[in-house]
Amino acid sequence: MKCEIIRDLLPLYCDELCSQESRQEIETHLGQCKACQSYLEEMRGESVPAPPAPDVEVEAKILQGVKRKFSRRRRRSILIAVAVMLVFSVVLVGAADVERPVPYTDGLVTAQLAVDEVIDLYYHGGSYNTFYGFSRELDGRNAVFLYFDETIVSGIKPRGEGHLSIGNALLTDYETATYQVSREVDAVYYLVGDYVTLPDLDQEAFEQATADAVLLWER
C-alpha cells in the first residue's frame, strides 16, 4: 500500500476508527517505512488533548469554587482575628492607665507625729499609682484630706508601701505628687472624692461631703 494512502488512513488509525484489516495493513507498512513512522509521530505530537468530559469539567469548577470560598472564609477569619486583637490591645492599653480610687479599709493608712513636728503617713495597701490631697478647715480645725488610687500598671509594677509626710506646708510622698496644705495641721482624713470640686464647696455642702471621711490622725 502506498505511503499516500497510509498517511490518509493514519488519522482513522490514531482514533481507532479503521477496520481491523486496515489496521493490520497500516502497522505492517509502518514496520517497513520509516518516513511514515516519522509522519505518525509528528501527527501524534501535534494532536490537541481532548476536552474534559462534562462531569469532570463541572467537578473541577466546583472544586475551584470551594477553594475560593474557603480562601475567602480564611481571609475573613484572619482579618476578624486581627481586628479583635487590635481592639483588645487598644482597650487594654486604655484601661491600663484608668485610675481607680482605693477604698479605705482598716489599717490601710497609719500616721504618727515625728519629733520635728512632721506627720508621717504610711500606706499599707501594697501597690498604688498616686495620691490626691488638699487642706481645708473642718469643725474649726485645719484638716488635710487625702486618698490613694491604683491602675492595672501599678498592680503589675508595685512600688511597695508608700511613705507620705506633712510638714512645712507640704503634703508629699516624694515620688508621685506634692500638694500645698495648711502649715498648722490639726487632723488628717482619708476621703475618696472629687478633689477638684471639694475644696470650693460652701461649708454646709463640704461638711455633708466629708461626713464619711475616716480620721487617720489628730493632734
Protein backbone atom coordinates (compact mmCIF):
# COMPACT_ATOMS: atom_id res chain seq x y z
CA MET A 1 0.00 0.00 0.00
CA LYS A 2 1.34 3.43 -1.00
CA CYS A 3 2.55 5.92 1.59
CA GLU A 4 -0.05 8.48 0.47
CA ILE A 5 -2.87 6.06 1.22
CA ILE A 6 -1.32 5.06 4.56
CA ARG A 7 -1.00 8.71 5.57
CA ASP A 8 -4.63 9.34 4.63
CA LEU A 9 -5.64 6.47 6.92
CA LEU A 10 -3.41 7.44 9.85
CA PRO A 11 -5.99 9.83 11.44
CA LEU A 12 -8.52 6.98 11.46
CA TYR A 13 -5.82 4.68 12.81
CA CYS A 14 -4.99 7.05 15.66
CA ASP A 15 -8.66 7.44 16.57
CA GLU A 16 -9.17 3.66 16.32
CA LEU A 17 -11.91 4.11 13.73
CA CYS A 18 -10.48 1.97 10.92
CA SER A 19 -11.25 -1.71 10.37
CA GLN A 20 -9.09 -4.49 11.72
CA GLU A 21 -7.83 -5.32 8.21
CA SER A 22 -6.84 -1.71 7.56
CA ARG A 23 -5.11 -1.53 10.95
CA GLN A 24 -3.04 -4.62 10.10
CA GLU A 25 -2.05 -3.17 6.71
CA ILE A 26 -1.08 0.16 8.31
CA GLU A 27 1.00 -1.47 11.05
CA THR A 28 2.72 -3.73 8.51
CA HIS A 29 3.57 -0.68 6.41
CA LEU A 30 4.78 1.32 9.41
CA GLY A 31 7.10 -1.54 10.35
CA GLN A 32 8.82 -1.17 7.00
CA CYS A 33 8.55 2.59 6.26
CA LYS A 34 10.50 4.98 8.47
CA ALA A 35 9.07 8.02 6.67
CA CYS A 36 5.52 7.06 7.58
CA GLN A 37 6.67 6.27 11.13
CA SER A 38 8.07 9.81 11.44
CA TYR A 39 4.86 11.22 9.93
CA LEU A 40 2.80 9.34 12.52
CA GLU A 41 5.00 10.59 15.39
CA GLU A 42 4.71 14.20 14.19
CA MET A 43 0.95 13.86 13.82
CA ARG A 44 0.64 12.46 17.34
CA GLY A 45 2.84 15.24 18.74
CA GLU A 46 0.62 17.94 17.23
CA SER A 47 -2.63 16.40 18.41
CA VAL A 48 -4.70 18.55 20.78
CA PRO A 49 -5.83 16.88 24.04
CA ALA A 50 -9.49 16.05 24.06
CA PRO A 51 -11.64 18.41 26.15
CA PRO A 52 -12.56 17.06 29.58
CA ALA A 53 -15.78 15.23 29.95
CA PRO A 54 -18.67 17.39 31.14
CA ASP A 55 -18.75 15.72 34.55
CA VAL A 56 -15.01 16.25 35.04
CA GLU A 57 -15.27 19.90 33.98
CA VAL A 58 -18.19 20.53 36.32
CA GLU A 59 -16.36 18.84 39.19
CA ALA A 60 -13.26 20.96 38.54
CA LYS A 61 -15.32 24.16 38.60
CA ILE A 62 -17.00 23.07 41.84
CA LEU A 63 -13.62 22.36 43.43
CA GLN A 64 -12.31 25.75 42.31
CA GLY A 65 -15.38 27.45 43.76
CA VAL A 66 -14.97 25.60 47.06
CA LYS A 67 -11.30 26.59 47.21
CA ARG A 68 -12.13 30.23 46.51
CA LYS A 69 -14.90 30.16 49.11
CA PHE A 70 -12.60 28.54 51.65
CA SER A 71 -9.89 31.08 50.85
CA ARG A 72 -12.34 33.96 51.35
CA ARG A 73 -13.52 32.50 54.65
CA ARG A 74 -9.95 32.02 55.78
CA ARG A 75 -9.01 35.59 54.89
CA ARG A 76 -12.15 36.87 56.59
CA SER A 77 -11.36 34.85 59.73
CA ILE A 78 -7.80 36.17 59.79
CA LEU A 79 -8.98 39.77 59.33
CA ILE A 80 -11.58 39.38 62.09
CA ALA A 81 -8.98 37.87 64.43
CA VAL A 82 -6.55 40.71 63.71
CA ALA A 83 -9.29 43.31 64.24
CA VAL A 84 -10.30 41.72 67.55
CA MET A 85 -6.67 41.70 68.69
CA LEU A 86 -6.26 45.36 67.75
CA VAL A 87 -9.43 46.35 69.59
CA PHE A 88 -8.38 44.30 72.60
CA SER A 89 -4.93 45.91 72.58
CA VAL A 90 -6.40 49.41 72.37
CA VAL A 91 -8.87 48.68 75.18
CA LEU A 92 -6.15 47.09 77.30
CA VAL A 93 -3.77 49.99 76.77
CA GLY A 94 -6.52 52.47 77.60
CA ALA A 95 -7.65 50.54 80.65
CA ALA A 96 -4.09 50.15 81.90
CA ASP A 97 -3.98 53.82 82.91
CA VAL A 98 -7.53 54.17 84.24
CA GLU A 99 -7.32 55.33 87.85
CA ARG A 100 -9.45 53.57 90.46
CA PRO A 101 -9.74 55.02 93.97
CA VAL A 102 -8.58 52.70 96.73
CA PRO A 103 -11.44 52.44 99.26
CA TYR A 104 -10.46 52.69 102.88
CA THR A 105 -10.06 49.52 104.93
CA ASP A 106 -8.87 49.12 108.49
CA GLY A 107 -5.14 49.72 108.72
CA LEU A 108 -4.82 50.99 105.15
CA VAL A 109 -3.03 54.16 106.33
CA THR A 110 -1.31 54.80 109.65
CA ALA A 111 0.02 58.13 110.91
CA GLN A 112 2.35 59.36 113.61
CA LEU A 113 3.88 62.66 114.66
CA ALA A 114 7.67 62.82 114.45
CA VAL A 115 9.87 64.77 116.89
CA ASP A 116 10.35 67.50 114.28
CA GLU A 117 6.57 68.01 114.11
CA VAL A 118 6.38 66.29 110.70
CA ILE A 119 3.36 63.99 110.34
CA ASP A 120 4.47 60.69 108.79
CA LEU A 121 1.82 58.69 106.93
CA TYR A 122 2.36 55.08 105.85
CA TYR A 123 0.26 53.40 103.15
CA HIS A 124 -0.11 49.63 103.71
CA GLY A 125 -2.21 48.83 100.65
CA GLY A 126 0.76 47.44 98.73
CA SER A 127 0.64 48.98 95.27
CA TYR A 128 -0.72 52.38 94.30
CA ASN A 129 -0.48 54.71 91.34
CA THR A 130 -0.51 58.11 93.08
CA PHE A 131 -2.45 60.02 95.74
CA TYR A 132 -4.53 63.20 95.92
CA GLY A 133 -4.77 65.71 98.73
CA PHE A 134 -5.88 69.17 99.86
CA SER A 135 -6.41 71.02 103.12
CA ARG A 136 -9.43 72.91 104.43
CA GLU A 137 -10.94 73.88 107.75
CA LEU A 138 -13.42 71.41 109.24
CA ASP A 139 -15.08 71.79 112.61
CA GLY A 140 -12.83 74.73 113.40
CA ARG A 141 -9.62 72.78 112.75
CA ASN A 142 -7.15 72.78 109.86
CA ALA A 143 -7.55 69.36 108.27
CA VAL A 144 -5.77 67.54 105.45
CA PHE A 145 -7.76 65.18 103.22
CA LEU A 146 -6.17 62.53 101.02
CA TYR A 147 -6.80 59.26 99.19
CA PHE A 148 -4.82 56.83 97.03
CA ASP A 149 -5.64 55.37 93.63
CA GLU A 150 -4.41 52.41 91.61
CA THR A 151 -4.21 51.24 87.97
CA ILE A 152 -3.53 47.99 86.16
CA VAL A 153 0.04 49.15 85.55
CA SER A 154 0.60 49.93 89.22
CA GLY A 155 -0.58 46.41 90.03
CA ILE A 156 1.99 44.94 87.63
CA LYS A 157 4.81 47.15 88.92
CA PRO A 158 4.17 47.57 92.63
CA ARG A 159 6.07 50.31 94.44
CA GLY A 160 5.70 48.77 97.88
CA GLU A 161 4.50 50.60 100.98
CA GLY A 162 4.12 54.34 100.50
CA HIS A 163 5.52 56.93 102.87
CA LEU A 164 3.97 60.41 102.94
CA SER A 165 4.90 63.39 105.03
CA ILE A 166 3.06 66.53 106.06
CA GLY A 167 5.32 69.38 107.06
CA ASN A 168 6.44 72.89 106.05
CA ALA A 169 3.02 73.40 104.43
CA LEU A 170 3.54 70.46 102.03
CA LEU A 171 1.94 67.03 101.64
CA THR A 172 4.16 64.72 99.58
CA ASP A 173 5.18 61.11 99.00
CA TYR A 174 8.49 62.30 97.46
CA GLU A 175 7.73 60.38 94.27
CA THR A 176 4.34 60.83 92.62
CA ALA A 177 2.77 64.06 93.91
CA THR A 178 3.14 67.10 96.17
CA TYR A 179 0.36 69.40 97.42
CA GLN A 180 0.43 72.66 99.35
CA VAL A 181 -1.54 72.39 102.59
CA SER A 182 -2.00 74.36 105.80
CA ARG A 183 1.15 74.99 107.76
CA GLU A 184 -0.57 74.02 111.01
CA VAL A 185 -2.44 70.72 110.67
CA ASP A 186 -4.78 69.51 113.39
CA ALA A 187 -6.26 66.40 111.71
CA VAL A 188 -5.73 64.10 108.74
CA TYR A 189 -8.62 62.30 106.99
CA TYR A 190 -8.92 59.64 104.33
CA LEU A 191 -11.67 60.64 101.90
CA VAL A 192 -12.37 59.39 98.38
CA GLY A 193 -13.98 62.09 96.25
CA ASP A 194 -13.65 64.75 93.59
CA TYR A 195 -10.67 66.76 94.76
CA VAL A 196 -11.29 69.38 92.05
CA THR A 197 -14.68 70.49 93.36
CA LEU A 198 -14.48 69.56 97.05
CA PRO A 199 -12.20 72.45 98.15
CA ASP A 200 -14.59 75.02 96.63
CA LEU A 201 -17.85 73.79 98.14
CA ASP A 202 -19.67 76.02 100.59
CA GLN A 203 -19.18 75.00 104.21
CA GLU A 204 -22.50 73.20 104.61
CA ALA A 205 -22.08 71.19 101.41
CA PHE A 206 -18.47 70.48 102.32
CA GLU A 207 -19.40 69.10 105.72
CA GLN A 208 -22.01 66.86 104.10
CA ALA A 209 -19.49 65.63 101.51
CA THR A 210 -16.94 64.81 104.21
CA ALA A 211 -19.35 63.02 106.54
CA ASP A 212 -17.82 59.64 105.59
CA ALA A 213 -14.21 60.78 105.95
CA VAL A 214 -12.04 58.43 108.04
CA LEU A 215 -9.93 60.13 110.70
CA LEU A 216 -6.30 58.98 110.41
CA TRP A 217 -4.65 61.31 112.87
CA GLU A 218 -5.49 64.29 115.08
CA ARG A 219 -3.50 66.50 117.33
